[in-house]
Amino acid sequence: MYASLLAELAQALGFDGWLVNIENKVIDLVPNLKVFVSQLTDSMHAWVPGSTVIWYDSVTVDGSLRWQNRLNDKNMPFFEISDSFFTNYSWQKEYAKESGDLAGEHRRFDVYMGVDVFGRNTYGGGGYQCDVALKAAREAEVSAALFAPGWTYENNKDDNRWWGLIAECWSDARLDPVQLPFFTNFDVGHGRATFIEGRQVSELPWSNLSCQSLQPLLRVEVSSLKQVSITSSRDPPIYSGGSSIHMIGDINTDELCLYQLYRTAVHVEDLHHETSLDVSYSVRVESSSKFALVLKTEDHLGACSIHFLLDMEEEDNNATSITKYEIGHTSVIFDYYKRKGECRTSADTRAEASGTEFDSCKSLSNREYTLTKEKYTITGVFGVCSTADDLRPLLIKLLHENESVFEPGNFLVQEEKEKDGDAQTEEIKANYRAVLGHISLADSSHDCHFSNKDQRFVGTNISWAEGNAGEKFVSVKLVWRGHVEKFTWERFHVYARTRRDEVPLQYLGMAMVEAFYVYELAVSKQATPITFYLQPQCSCGKVQDLSTCPTYKIDVPHPSSAVWMRSQPSLKDWLFV
């Protein structure tokens, strides 16, 4: 029963799998434990296709807690009923090959040699020597598992240096994304405020790791990190969520800064017709700064094309044109947006942004493109920074000099450091400033089908409370279920209107499941009724217009009604006493 419940939980919350670590003696319960692990593995495969159950090197088959630091006959039975094996950290170099050989040719990569980044009795010493252990695992043709990579943050170490060492010895990173639609807003799972499509909807700081989107892996090709600082920032402008990518540096007019955002394997094909791909990204550039998104594609014959998605502000904003060049074995295509517009920005956002390094009066600009060609694969997404008036001659020159400049490589984006107290960030003398807010790739046939038809949005478990000063509060569990095929609701935003004249709506939060709990929402005396709004967000990043979103209303009971509960402390009182 517990195994199936864990599998159902993983499916509901989007888990990739379970790591099973039993670090206590189970002398008399080994048969039960083996049944549980076997059932968990089978249940996970049924509920979440492609999921993984990993057994950690802890108890042995006789129920003793004895770390083996390798795969051997004392833990092999657990490996046989799970998907992977994660060794303890105190292994020797020869253990890696021994473990792989025991696993067999078809399962040797299911063995993960554990590496403790903090260096607690781990092979290689951990820290900046983690690459020693990774190289040993790679030479033995087994996998590796890094434990506690937060070491760099907790010890104020150089994050880029550490990830650079990892990339050098384990460069074949998993390709991601691999399917459409793809959307990223560079969210790191926390923010100082909440934004949706460029508009600030809440000024409250928040943290929710489930909101993280796919982060870019950056490798600077032309230029260096000293010339262009590329950071994840929680300062506005922000497209959605709580962060964006800020690029600040010093670039000469005859230079380019080219970096890889994602190494991908996205197949775009239609067996009977040419396939159209809709691409959009939001960006803000200042003064003479220029930015272009770049897609590298490969057709079924292996021929490469590089699409530069340029901005042509000096021309008509509705311009649509394509210029194509052939350089060696590579087609170079300059695409111009089919539509350009400003992302919505509220007055509050602009006022609060006045203390940032960027001009707060400028919002993000949303650029949209359509690429039409026969079936192909997107193999990379890049960014280009420059201060040149025209990027095209520099890009052509770059490719003439080095046609392989768009080959795969990785470099991790660094997150901005917190400011200590009132200390001011060191001023950067720069002529280049740009912000990247989001990237979206979707098949042109993709339609979000935002509709209220068959949309069930109701409230349950409604209760009312009265505070010590006579203030009123409502608690409710909001639930919904939509019947929509061929696309995915990525998440749901919940708002409330607690009085007739409340504009804008009060943003309550976000849910990634079909339920949202509201606890003691303050109710205005003028609220008749309270209206809740449910705003779906599609996997391509688009959100439904609030004016067409499903709503649920609760009538405020008369003060003399028996539904009012006696005075009780609020959740805030419990948390901050």
Protein backbone atom coordinates (compact mmCIF):
# COMPACT_ATOMS: atom_id res chain seq x y z
CA MET A 1 0.00 0.00 0.00
CA TYR A 2 2.73 2.49 0.97
CA ALA A 3 4.65 1.83 -2.24
CA SER A 4 1.64 2.66 -4.41
CA LEU A 5 0.90 5.78 -2.35
CA LEU A 6 4.47 7.01 -2.80
CA ALA A 7 4.16 6.43 -6.55
CA GLU A 8 0.87 8.31 -6.67
CA LEU A 9 2.44 11.17 -4.70
CA ALA A 10 5.36 11.33 -7.14
CA GLN A 11 2.99 11.48 -10.08
CA ALA A 12 0.88 14.25 -8.51
CA LEU A 13 3.84 16.44 -7.50
CA GLY A 14 6.12 15.80 -10.46
CA PHE A 15 8.88 13.79 -8.77
CA ASP A 16 11.40 12.04 -11.01
CA GLY A 17 11.70 9.17 -8.53
CA TRP A 18 12.75 8.13 -5.03
CA LEU A 19 16.09 7.66 -3.29
CA VAL A 20 15.72 4.87 -0.72
CA ASN A 21 18.20 5.26 2.15
CA ILE A 22 17.69 2.89 5.13
CA GLU A 23 20.36 3.87 7.64
CA ASN A 24 19.32 1.65 10.54
CA LYS A 25 19.42 -2.08 11.29
CA VAL A 26 16.54 -4.14 9.92
CA ILE A 27 17.73 -7.64 10.87
CA ASP A 28 14.28 -9.24 10.97
CA LEU A 29 12.64 -7.11 8.28
CA VAL A 30 14.80 -7.71 5.20
CA PRO A 31 12.12 -9.80 3.42
CA ASN A 32 9.58 -7.02 3.98
CA LEU A 33 12.08 -4.40 2.82
CA LYS A 34 12.78 -6.28 -0.41
CA VAL A 35 9.06 -6.56 -1.14
CA PHE A 36 8.63 -2.84 -0.50
CA VAL A 37 11.51 -1.81 -2.81
CA SER A 38 10.29 -4.14 -5.55
CA GLN A 39 6.72 -2.84 -5.31
CA LEU A 40 7.91 0.77 -5.22
CA THR A 41 9.93 0.26 -8.40
CA ASP A 42 7.02 -1.40 -10.22
CA SER A 43 4.51 1.20 -8.99
CA MET A 44 6.73 4.11 -10.03
CA HIS A 45 7.17 2.70 -13.53
CA ALA A 46 3.38 2.37 -13.82
CA TRP A 47 2.53 5.82 -12.43
CA VAL A 48 5.50 7.82 -13.78
CA PRO A 49 7.01 6.40 -17.00
CA GLY A 50 10.77 6.97 -17.11
CA SER A 51 11.03 7.38 -13.33
CA THR A 52 13.88 6.04 -11.22
CA VAL A 53 14.11 4.31 -7.84
CA ILE A 54 17.65 4.54 -6.45
CA TRP A 55 18.95 2.29 -3.67
CA TYR A 56 21.57 3.87 -1.41
CA ASP A 57 24.49 1.81 -0.14
CA SER A 58 23.41 1.40 3.51
CA VAL A 59 21.95 -1.79 4.98
CA THR A 60 23.13 -5.11 3.62
CA VAL A 61 21.10 -8.16 2.66
CA ASP A 62 21.44 -9.56 6.20
CA GLY A 63 19.88 -6.40 7.67
CA SER A 64 23.11 -4.93 9.09
CA LEU A 65 23.97 -1.27 8.66
CA ARG A 66 27.37 -1.59 6.98
CA TRP A 67 28.34 0.74 4.14
CA GLN A 68 30.13 -1.23 1.44
CA ASN A 69 31.29 1.76 -0.68
CA ARG A 70 30.76 -0.38 -3.76
CA LEU A 71 28.31 -2.78 -5.37
CA ASN A 72 28.95 -6.32 -4.13
CA ASP A 73 27.12 -9.50 -3.16
CA LYS A 74 26.02 -7.96 0.17
CA ASN A 75 23.84 -5.30 -1.52
CA MET A 76 23.36 -6.74 -5.01
CA PRO A 77 19.83 -8.08 -4.22
CA PHE A 78 18.60 -4.51 -3.63
CA PHE A 79 20.19 -3.34 -6.89
CA GLU A 80 18.38 -6.11 -8.76
CA ILE A 81 14.93 -4.86 -7.66
CA SER A 82 15.61 -1.13 -8.13
CA ASP A 83 16.71 1.06 -11.03
CA SER A 84 20.04 2.38 -9.73
CA PHE A 85 22.63 2.01 -6.99
CA PHE A 86 24.21 4.98 -5.16
CA THR A 87 27.43 4.01 -3.36
CA ASN A 88 28.66 5.48 -0.10
CA TYR A 89 31.52 7.98 -0.44
CA SER A 90 34.56 6.18 1.05
CA TRP A 91 35.44 4.12 -2.01
CA GLN A 92 38.78 3.41 -3.63
CA LYS A 93 39.52 3.84 -7.32
CA GLU A 94 39.37 0.11 -8.09
CA TYR A 95 35.90 -0.12 -6.53
CA ALA A 96 34.38 1.77 -9.46
CA LYS A 97 35.44 -0.81 -12.05
CA GLU A 98 34.57 -3.71 -9.73
CA SER A 99 31.07 -2.31 -9.25
CA GLY A 100 30.54 -1.79 -12.96
CA ASP A 101 31.73 -5.28 -13.82
CA LEU A 102 29.39 -6.83 -11.25
CA ALA A 103 26.44 -4.79 -12.56
CA GLY A 104 27.05 -6.14 -16.05
CA GLU A 105 27.36 -4.55 -19.46
CA HIS A 106 23.74 -3.49 -19.68
CA ARG A 107 23.51 -1.97 -16.18
CA ARG A 108 26.94 -0.60 -15.38
CA PHE A 109 25.75 2.98 -15.92
CA ASP A 110 23.07 2.37 -13.27
CA VAL A 111 25.86 2.36 -10.67
CA TYR A 112 26.54 5.84 -9.24
CA MET A 113 29.80 6.35 -7.34
CA GLY A 114 29.02 8.81 -4.54
CA VAL A 115 31.12 11.97 -4.23
CA ASP A 116 30.73 14.17 -1.13
CA VAL A 117 31.54 17.72 -2.21
CA PHE A 118 32.26 18.67 1.41
CA GLY A 119 35.11 16.13 1.34
CA ARG A 120 34.08 14.02 4.33
CA ASN A 121 36.20 10.89 3.81
CA THR A 122 35.37 10.88 0.11
CA TYR A 123 37.57 9.64 -2.71
CA GLY A 124 39.57 12.52 -4.21
CA GLY A 125 38.97 14.84 -1.25
CA GLY A 126 35.87 16.70 -2.46
CA GLY A 127 35.75 20.46 -2.97
CA TYR A 128 37.82 21.56 -5.93
CA GLN A 129 39.11 17.97 -6.19
CA CYS A 130 35.72 16.46 -7.03
CA ASP A 131 36.91 16.06 -10.59
CA VAL A 132 39.40 13.41 -9.37
CA ALA A 133 36.53 11.14 -8.34
CA LEU A 134 34.51 11.94 -11.46
CA LYS A 135 37.42 11.03 -13.72
CA ALA A 136 37.86 7.71 -11.89
CA ALA A 137 34.16 6.90 -12.33
CA ARG A 138 34.25 7.87 -15.99
CA GLU A 139 37.34 5.77 -16.68
CA ALA A 140 35.56 2.79 -15.10
CA GLU A 141 32.52 3.46 -17.33
CA VAL A 142 30.10 3.92 -14.45
CA SER A 143 28.07 6.94 -13.35
CA ALA A 144 28.67 9.39 -10.51
CA ALA A 145 26.48 11.21 -7.97
CA LEU A 146 27.50 14.57 -6.50
CA PHE A 147 26.28 15.11 -2.94
CA ALA A 148 25.94 18.65 -1.51
CA PRO A 149 27.09 20.90 -4.38
CA GLY A 150 25.89 23.76 -2.14
CA TRP A 151 29.41 23.62 -0.68
CA THR A 152 30.44 26.52 -2.90
CA TYR A 153 27.64 28.72 -1.58
CA GLU A 154 27.93 27.74 2.08
CA ASN A 155 31.68 28.32 2.09
CA ASN A 156 31.67 31.39 -0.17
CA LYS A 157 33.72 29.59 -2.82
CA ASP A 158 34.03 30.33 -6.53
CA ASP A 159 30.98 28.64 -8.06
CA ASN A 160 32.16 29.10 -11.64
CA ARG A 161 35.54 27.55 -10.89
CA TRP A 162 33.93 24.47 -9.33
CA TRP A 163 31.42 23.91 -12.14
CA GLY A 164 34.16 24.57 -14.68
CA LEU A 165 36.16 21.65 -13.27
CA ILE A 166 33.08 19.44 -13.43
CA ALA A 167 32.40 20.42 -17.05
CA GLU A 168 35.99 19.68 -18.12
CA CYS A 169 35.92 16.09 -16.89
CA TRP A 170 32.24 15.32 -17.57
CA SER A 171 31.39 17.45 -20.57
CA ASP A 172 28.69 15.29 -22.13
CA ALA A 173 25.80 16.98 -20.35
CA ARG A 174 22.28 15.67 -20.82
CA LEU A 175 20.46 17.46 -23.62
CA ASP A 176 17.60 19.57 -22.35
CA PRO A 177 15.05 20.59 -23.55
CA VAL A 178 14.13 17.72 -25.86
CA GLN A 179 10.51 18.47 -26.73
CA LEU A 180 8.06 21.26 -27.50
CA PRO A 181 6.69 23.44 -26.13
CA PHE A 182 9.63 24.80 -24.17
CA PHE A 183 9.42 27.80 -21.85
CA THR A 184 11.87 29.25 -19.36
CA ASN A 185 11.69 32.45 -17.36
CA PHE A 186 15.04 31.73 -15.61
CA ASP A 187 13.19 31.47 -12.28
CA VAL A 188 15.46 30.21 -9.46
CA GLY A 189 12.57 29.43 -7.11
CA HIS A 190 12.55 32.61 -5.04
CA GLY A 191 12.12 36.32 -5.57
CA ARG A 192 11.63 39.72 -3.98
CA ALA A 193 8.30 40.11 -5.79
CA THR A 194 6.09 38.18 -8.23
CA PHE A 195 5.71 39.06 -11.91
CA ILE A 196 3.45 37.70 -14.66
CA GLU A 197 4.14 38.73 -18.28
CA GLY A 198 6.18 41.72 -17.14
CA ARG A 199 3.60 43.00 -14.66
CA GLN A 200 4.24 42.95 -10.93
CA VAL A 201 1.30 41.23 -9.25
CA SER A 202 2.72 41.00 -5.72
CA GLU A 203 5.32 42.98 -3.80
CA LEU A 204 5.90 40.24 -1.20
CA PRO A 205 9.12 38.20 -1.17
CA TRP A 206 8.59 34.48 -1.73
CA SER A 207 10.32 31.10 -1.98
CA ASN A 208 9.00 28.00 -3.77
CA LEU A 209 11.54 25.64 -5.32
CA SER A 210 8.78 24.02 -7.40
CA CYS A 211 8.69 27.24 -9.45
CA GLN A 212 12.23 26.82 -10.76
CA SER A 213 12.53 26.76 -14.52
CA LEU A 214 15.32 25.27 -16.60
CA GLN A 215 18.46 27.31 -15.98
CA PRO A 216 20.91 28.12 -18.78
CA LEU A 217 24.35 26.59 -19.01
CA LEU A 218 26.65 29.31 -20.23
CA ARG A 219 29.90 29.00 -22.09
CA VAL A 220 31.35 32.29 -23.25
CA GLU A 221 32.92 31.81 -26.68
CA VAL A 222 34.07 35.23 -27.77
CA SER A 223 34.95 37.51 -24.86
CA SER A 224 35.45 36.58 -21.22
CA LEU A 225 33.41 36.74 -18.04
CA LYS A 226 35.44 39.78 -17.02
CA GLN A 227 34.16 41.66 -20.04
CA VAL A 228 30.52 40.62 -19.64
CA SER A 229 29.03 39.70 -16.27
CA ILE A 230 26.10 37.32 -16.76
CA THR A 231 24.07 36.82 -13.58
CA SER A 232 20.71 35.59 -12.39
CA SER A 233 19.10 38.63 -10.77
CA ARG A 234 15.94 39.25 -8.73
CA ASP A 235 15.95 42.94 -9.66
CA PRO A 236 13.40 44.19 -12.23
CA PRO A 237 12.68 44.06 -15.06
CA ILE A 238 11.36 40.50 -14.76
CA TYR A 239 9.08 38.76 -17.24
CA SER A 240 7.53 36.21 -14.89
CA GLY A 241 8.32 34.58 -11.58
CA GLY A 242 11.05 36.21 -9.55
CA SER A 243 14.25 36.53 -11.60
CA SER A 244 15.81 37.25 -14.96
CA ILE A 245 19.23 37.15 -16.63
CA HIS A 246 21.25 40.39 -16.41
CA MET A 247 24.17 41.04 -18.75
CA ILE A 248 26.52 43.91 -17.92
CA GLY A 249 29.93 44.54 -19.41
CA ASP A 250 32.29 46.43 -21.62
CA ILE A 251 32.28 45.48 -25.32
CA ASN A 252 34.01 47.31 -28.13
CA THR A 253 31.97 48.06 -31.24
CA ASP A 254 34.02 45.54 -33.24
CA GLU A 255 33.51 42.72 -30.71
CA LEU A 256 30.85 40.13 -29.96
CA CYS A 257 30.08 38.18 -26.82
CA LEU A 258 28.61 34.84 -27.80
CA TYR A 259 27.42 32.32 -25.20
CA GLN A 260 25.45 29.10 -25.20
CA LEU A 261 22.20 29.06 -23.25
CA TYR A 262 20.99 25.51 -23.86
CA ARG A 263 22.28 22.40 -25.59
CA THR A 264 19.12 20.84 -26.96
CA ALA A 265 17.67 17.97 -28.99
CA VAL A 266 14.23 19.31 -29.92
CA HIS A 267 12.77 17.53 -32.94
CA VAL A 268 10.46 19.70 -35.04
CA GLU A 269 8.77 17.79 -37.81
CA ASP A 270 5.63 17.23 -39.81
CA LEU A 271 5.81 14.32 -42.20
CA HIS A 272 3.48 15.93 -44.74
CA HIS A 273 4.06 19.68 -44.52
CA GLU A 274 6.66 22.25 -43.67
CA THR A 275 6.74 22.88 -39.93
CA SER A 276 6.42 26.34 -38.42
CA LEU A 277 8.06 27.09 -35.11
CA ASP A 278 6.96 30.07 -33.02
CA VAL A 279 9.82 31.63 -31.05
CA SER A 280 9.50 34.49 -28.61
CA TYR A 281 11.78 36.09 -26.07
CA SER A 282 11.67 39.23 -23.96
CA VAL A 283 14.68 41.48 -23.63
CA ARG A 284 15.63 44.98 -22.62
CA VAL A 285 18.71 46.69 -23.97
CA GLU A 286 20.01 50.11 -23.05
CA SER A 287 21.65 52.84 -25.14
CA SER A 288 23.82 51.22 -27.82
CA SER A 289 23.48 47.66 -26.49
CA LYS A 290 22.27 44.96 -28.88
CA PHE A 291 21.07 41.43 -28.15
CA ALA A 292 19.99 38.58 -30.43
CA LEU A 293 18.82 35.06 -29.72
CA VAL A 294 20.38 32.36 -31.91
CA LEU A 295 19.04 28.90 -32.80
CA LYS A 296 21.24 26.22 -34.31
CA THR A 297 19.33 23.57 -36.28
CA GLU A 298 20.24 20.38 -38.12
CA ASP A 299 18.15 18.66 -40.78
CA HIS A 300 17.77 14.90 -41.32
CA LEU A 301 20.79 14.91 -43.66
CA GLY A 302 23.04 16.58 -41.08
CA ALA A 303 23.12 20.01 -42.74
CA CYS A 304 23.42 22.82 -40.16
CA SER A 305 21.66 26.18 -40.13
CA ILE A 306 22.14 29.06 -37.73
CA HIS A 307 19.17 31.41 -37.22
CA PHE A 308 19.97 34.85 -35.81
CA LEU A 309 16.75 36.33 -34.39
CA LEU A 310 17.56 40.01 -34.77
CA ASP A 311 15.94 43.26 -33.73
CA MET A 312 15.54 45.90 -36.45
CA GLU A 313 14.30 48.94 -34.55
CA GLU A 314 15.25 51.31 -37.32
CA GLU A 315 12.73 49.64 -39.63
CA ASP A 316 9.00 49.09 -39.46
CA ASN A 317 8.05 47.26 -36.24
CA ASN A 318 5.94 44.85 -38.29
CA ALA A 319 8.80 44.05 -40.67
CA THR A 320 9.16 40.43 -41.68
CA SER A 321 12.11 39.43 -43.84
CA ILE A 322 14.84 36.82 -44.06
CA THR A 323 18.39 37.11 -45.33
CA LYS A 324 20.39 33.93 -45.98
CA TYR A 325 24.11 33.25 -46.49
CA GLU A 326 26.14 30.09 -47.04
CA ILE A 327 29.41 29.84 -45.12
CA GLY A 328 31.23 26.58 -45.66
CA HIS A 329 28.84 23.78 -44.73
CA THR A 330 26.63 26.07 -42.66
CA SER A 331 23.59 28.12 -43.68
CA VAL A 332 23.41 31.46 -41.88
CA ILE A 333 19.93 32.97 -41.69
CA PHE A 334 18.98 36.39 -40.31
CA ASP A 335 15.35 36.43 -39.16
CA TYR A 336 13.45 39.55 -38.12
CA TYR A 337 10.49 39.59 -35.78
CA LYS A 338 6.98 39.27 -37.11
CA ARG A 339 5.60 41.20 -34.13
CA LYS A 340 7.09 43.30 -31.38
CA GLY A 341 5.45 44.75 -28.30
CA GLU A 342 6.12 45.94 -24.80
CA CYS A 343 5.50 43.55 -21.93
CA ARG A 344 2.97 44.85 -19.45
CA THR A 345 4.58 46.85 -16.67
CA SER A 346 2.71 48.34 -13.74
CA ALA A 347 3.41 51.74 -12.27
CA ASP A 348 4.33 50.07 -8.97
CA THR A 349 7.01 48.04 -10.70
CA ARG A 350 8.60 51.10 -12.22
CA ALA A 351 8.63 52.97 -8.92
CA GLU A 352 10.20 50.08 -7.01
CA ALA A 353 12.78 49.51 -9.73
CA SER A 354 14.20 53.01 -9.46
CA GLY A 355 17.05 51.82 -7.25
CA THR A 356 18.33 49.18 -9.67
CA GLU A 357 21.18 49.48 -12.13
CA PHE A 358 18.79 49.69 -15.06
CA ASP A 359 16.55 52.48 -16.22
CA SER A 360 13.24 51.60 -14.55
CA CYS A 361 11.14 53.48 -17.08
CA LYS A 362 11.90 50.92 -19.79
CA SER A 363 10.01 47.65 -19.78
CA LEU A 364 10.96 44.40 -21.44
CA SER A 365 10.37 44.19 -25.16
CA ASN A 366 8.69 41.01 -26.40
CA ARG A 367 10.01 39.78 -29.78
CA GLU A 368 8.16 37.09 -31.74
CA TYR A 369 9.40 35.08 -34.72
CA THR A 370 8.20 32.23 -36.93
CA LEU A 371 10.62 29.76 -38.51
CA THR A 372 9.23 27.65 -41.36
CA LYS A 373 11.13 24.73 -42.88
CA GLU A 374 11.01 20.96 -43.29
CA LYS A 375 11.63 18.62 -40.36
CA TYR A 376 14.75 19.43 -38.36
CA THR A 377 16.26 19.31 -34.88
CA ILE A 378 17.14 22.32 -32.72
CA THR A 379 20.57 21.47 -31.30
CA GLY A 380 21.44 24.67 -29.48
CA VAL A 381 20.15 28.01 -28.18
CA PHE A 382 22.65 30.88 -27.93
CA GLY A 383 22.78 34.57 -27.08
CA VAL A 384 24.81 37.31 -28.77
CA CYS A 385 25.75 40.61 -27.11
CA SER A 386 27.25 43.56 -28.97
CA THR A 387 27.39 47.35 -29.13
CA ALA A 388 27.79 47.44 -32.92
CA ASP A 389 25.22 49.35 -34.97
CA ASP A 390 24.74 46.29 -37.18
CA LEU A 391 25.41 42.78 -35.88
CA ARG A 392 25.33 41.07 -39.25
CA PRO A 393 28.83 41.88 -40.56
CA LEU A 394 30.41 40.84 -37.25
CA LEU A 395 28.48 37.57 -37.17
CA ILE A 396 29.44 36.70 -40.74
CA LYS A 397 33.08 37.54 -40.01
CA LEU A 398 33.01 35.41 -36.87
CA LEU A 399 31.69 32.38 -38.75
CA HIS A 400 34.19 32.83 -41.56
CA GLU A 401 36.99 32.78 -39.01
CA ASN A 402 35.61 29.92 -36.92
CA GLU A 403 32.74 27.91 -38.38
CA SER A 404 32.74 25.59 -35.33
CA VAL A 405 32.13 28.40 -32.83
CA PHE A 406 28.63 27.00 -32.21
CA GLU A 407 29.87 23.60 -31.05
CA PRO A 408 28.54 22.33 -27.68
CA GLY A 409 30.02 23.49 -24.40
CA ASN A 410 28.82 24.42 -20.95
CA PHE A 411 29.43 27.06 -18.32
CA LEU A 412 27.10 27.57 -15.40
CA VAL A 413 25.33 30.89 -14.94
CA GLN A 414 26.18 32.47 -11.60
CA GLU A 415 23.51 33.78 -9.25
CA GLU A 416 23.84 37.28 -7.90
CA LYS A 417 25.29 37.62 -4.40
CA GLU A 418 23.20 39.07 -1.61
CA LYS A 419 24.06 42.58 -0.54
CA ASP A 420 25.36 42.78 3.03
CA GLY A 421 23.36 45.31 5.04
CA ASP A 422 23.53 48.73 3.46
CA ALA A 423 26.65 47.97 1.46
CA GLN A 424 26.34 49.08 -2.14
CA THR A 425 27.20 46.86 -5.06
CA GLU A 426 30.51 47.74 -6.64
CA GLU A 427 29.77 49.96 -9.59
CA ILE A 428 30.55 48.37 -12.92
CA LYS A 429 31.96 50.63 -15.57
CA ALA A 430 30.10 49.29 -18.58
CA ASN A 431 28.83 50.30 -21.97
CA TYR A 432 26.68 47.19 -22.35
CA ARG A 433 23.53 46.47 -20.35
CA ALA A 434 20.77 44.03 -21.23
CA VAL A 435 18.17 41.88 -19.49
CA LEU A 436 16.77 38.60 -20.83
CA GLY A 437 13.33 37.83 -19.39
CA HIS A 438 12.15 34.59 -21.00
CA ILE A 439 12.41 32.24 -23.99
CA SER A 440 9.52 30.30 -25.51
CA LEU A 441 9.60 27.71 -28.32
CA ALA A 442 6.34 26.16 -29.54
CA ASP A 443 4.99 24.46 -32.62
CA SER A 444 2.79 26.92 -34.50
CA SER A 445 -0.09 24.45 -34.27
CA HIS A 446 0.09 24.57 -30.47
CA ASP A 447 -3.04 26.19 -29.08
CA CYS A 448 -3.59 26.78 -25.37
CA HIS A 449 -7.41 26.51 -25.72
CA PHE A 450 -8.12 28.82 -22.80
CA SER A 451 -11.81 28.26 -22.18
CA ASN A 452 -14.23 28.06 -19.27
CA LYS A 453 -16.10 25.21 -20.92
CA ASP A 454 -16.22 22.17 -18.62
CA GLN A 455 -14.02 24.08 -16.15
CA ARG A 456 -15.01 23.24 -12.57
CA PHE A 457 -13.80 25.80 -10.01
CA VAL A 458 -15.37 25.58 -6.56
CA GLY A 459 -14.63 26.12 -2.89
CA THR A 460 -14.87 23.63 -0.05
CA ASN A 461 -14.25 23.63 3.71
CA ILE A 462 -15.29 27.28 4.02
CA SER A 463 -14.90 28.78 7.50
CA TRP A 464 -15.07 32.29 8.91
CA ALA A 465 -13.23 33.90 11.80
CA GLU A 466 -13.39 37.20 13.66
CA GLY A 467 -10.27 38.84 15.04
CA ASN A 468 -9.84 40.60 18.37
CA ALA A 469 -10.47 43.99 16.76
CA GLY A 470 -13.57 42.82 14.93
CA GLU A 471 -11.83 42.18 11.61
CA LYS A 472 -13.19 39.32 9.48
CA PHE A 473 -11.27 36.42 7.85
CA VAL A 474 -12.26 33.63 5.49
CA SER A 475 -10.55 30.28 4.94
CA VAL A 476 -11.36 28.06 1.98
CA LYS A 477 -9.96 25.19 -0.06
CA LEU A 478 -10.26 26.03 -3.77
CA VAL A 479 -10.33 23.05 -6.14
CA TRP A 480 -10.72 22.80 -9.90
CA ARG A 481 -10.53 20.37 -12.76
CA GLY A 482 -10.41 21.12 -16.46
CA HIS A 483 -11.04 18.77 -19.38
CA VAL A 484 -8.41 19.77 -21.93
CA GLU A 485 -6.52 17.56 -24.34
CA LYS A 486 -3.24 17.88 -26.28
CA PHE A 487 -1.62 20.48 -24.05
CA THR A 488 -0.48 20.93 -20.49
CA TRP A 489 -1.49 23.34 -17.75
CA GLU A 490 1.90 24.20 -16.29
CA ARG A 491 0.59 25.99 -13.21
CA PHE A 492 -2.33 28.04 -11.89
CA HIS A 493 -2.37 31.57 -10.45
CA VAL A 494 -5.01 32.49 -7.86
CA TYR A 495 -6.34 36.00 -7.21
CA ALA A 496 -9.07 37.48 -5.03
CA ARG A 497 -11.27 40.55 -5.02
CA THR A 498 -12.35 41.26 -1.45
CA ARG A 499 -14.17 44.49 -2.20
CA ARG A 500 -16.03 45.87 -5.20
CA ASP A 501 -13.53 48.62 -6.04
CA GLU A 502 -10.37 46.51 -5.59
CA VAL A 503 -8.13 47.14 -8.61
CA PRO A 504 -5.81 45.45 -9.30
CA LEU A 505 -6.87 42.09 -7.96
CA GLN A 506 -5.12 40.71 -4.89
CA TYR A 507 -2.61 38.02 -5.94
CA LEU A 508 -2.76 35.09 -3.50
CA GLY A 509 -0.25 32.66 -4.98
CA MET A 510 0.46 29.84 -7.40
CA ALA A 511 -0.38 26.13 -7.46
CA MET A 512 1.06 23.33 -9.56
CA VAL A 513 -1.75 20.95 -8.59
CA GLU A 514 -5.51 21.40 -8.87
CA ALA A 515 -6.05 22.79 -5.37
CA PHE A 516 -5.15 25.93 -3.42
CA TYR A 517 -5.64 26.65 0.28
CA VAL A 518 -6.60 30.15 1.42
CA TYR A 519 -6.11 30.67 5.16
CA GLU A 520 -7.72 33.60 6.94
CA LEU A 521 -7.92 36.04 4.07
CA ALA A 522 -8.83 39.48 5.42
CA VAL A 523 -12.32 40.49 4.30
CA SER A 524 -13.44 44.07 3.74
CA LYS A 525 -16.75 45.21 5.15
CA GLN A 526 -17.72 46.21 1.62
CA ALA A 527 -17.07 42.70 0.25
CA THR A 528 -20.34 41.28 -1.14
CA PRO A 529 -19.37 38.73 -2.36
CA ILE A 530 -15.67 37.72 -2.32
CA THR A 531 -14.56 36.67 -5.82
CA PHE A 532 -11.68 34.27 -6.49
CA TYR A 533 -10.04 34.09 -9.94
CA LEU A 534 -8.19 31.09 -11.40
CA GLN A 535 -5.64 31.95 -14.10
CA PRO A 536 -4.15 28.91 -15.91
CA GLN A 537 -0.65 29.08 -17.40
CA CYS A 538 0.19 26.88 -20.38
CA SER A 539 3.44 24.94 -20.77
CA CYS A 540 4.41 27.42 -23.51
CA GLY A 541 4.32 30.23 -20.92
CA LYS A 542 1.09 31.94 -21.98
CA VAL A 543 -1.50 32.81 -19.34
CA GLN A 544 -5.23 33.23 -19.76
CA ASP A 545 -6.54 36.79 -19.76
CA LEU A 546 -8.00 37.53 -16.33
CA SER A 547 -11.22 38.88 -17.81
CA THR A 548 -12.02 35.41 -19.19
CA CYS A 549 -10.73 33.31 -16.28
CA PRO A 550 -12.97 31.02 -14.18
CA THR A 551 -14.27 32.61 -10.97
CA TYR A 552 -15.77 31.41 -7.71
CA LYS A 553 -17.80 33.64 -5.37
CA ILE A 554 -18.46 33.42 -1.65
CA ASP A 555 -21.17 35.52 -0.05
CA VAL A 556 -20.12 37.24 3.16
CA PRO A 557 -22.49 36.15 5.94
CA HIS A 558 -24.35 38.70 8.03
CA PRO A 559 -22.47 39.66 11.23
CA SER A 560 -25.19 38.07 13.34
CA SER A 561 -24.95 34.77 11.46
CA ALA A 562 -23.94 31.66 13.40
CA VAL A 563 -21.17 30.84 10.92
CA TRP A 564 -18.79 33.27 12.63
CA MET A 565 -16.30 31.49 14.83
CA ARG A 566 -15.19 32.88 18.15
CA SER A 567 -12.08 35.05 18.23
CA GLN A 568 -8.87 33.15 17.53
CA PRO A 569 -5.24 34.02 16.77
CA SER A 570 -4.29 34.14 13.11
CA LEU A 571 -1.62 32.00 11.47
CA LYS A 572 0.69 35.03 11.51
CA ASP A 573 0.32 35.22 15.28
CA TRP A 574 1.33 31.59 15.62
CA LEU A 575 4.36 32.01 13.34
CA PHE A 576 5.82 35.20 14.74
CA VAL A 577 5.19 35.03 18.51
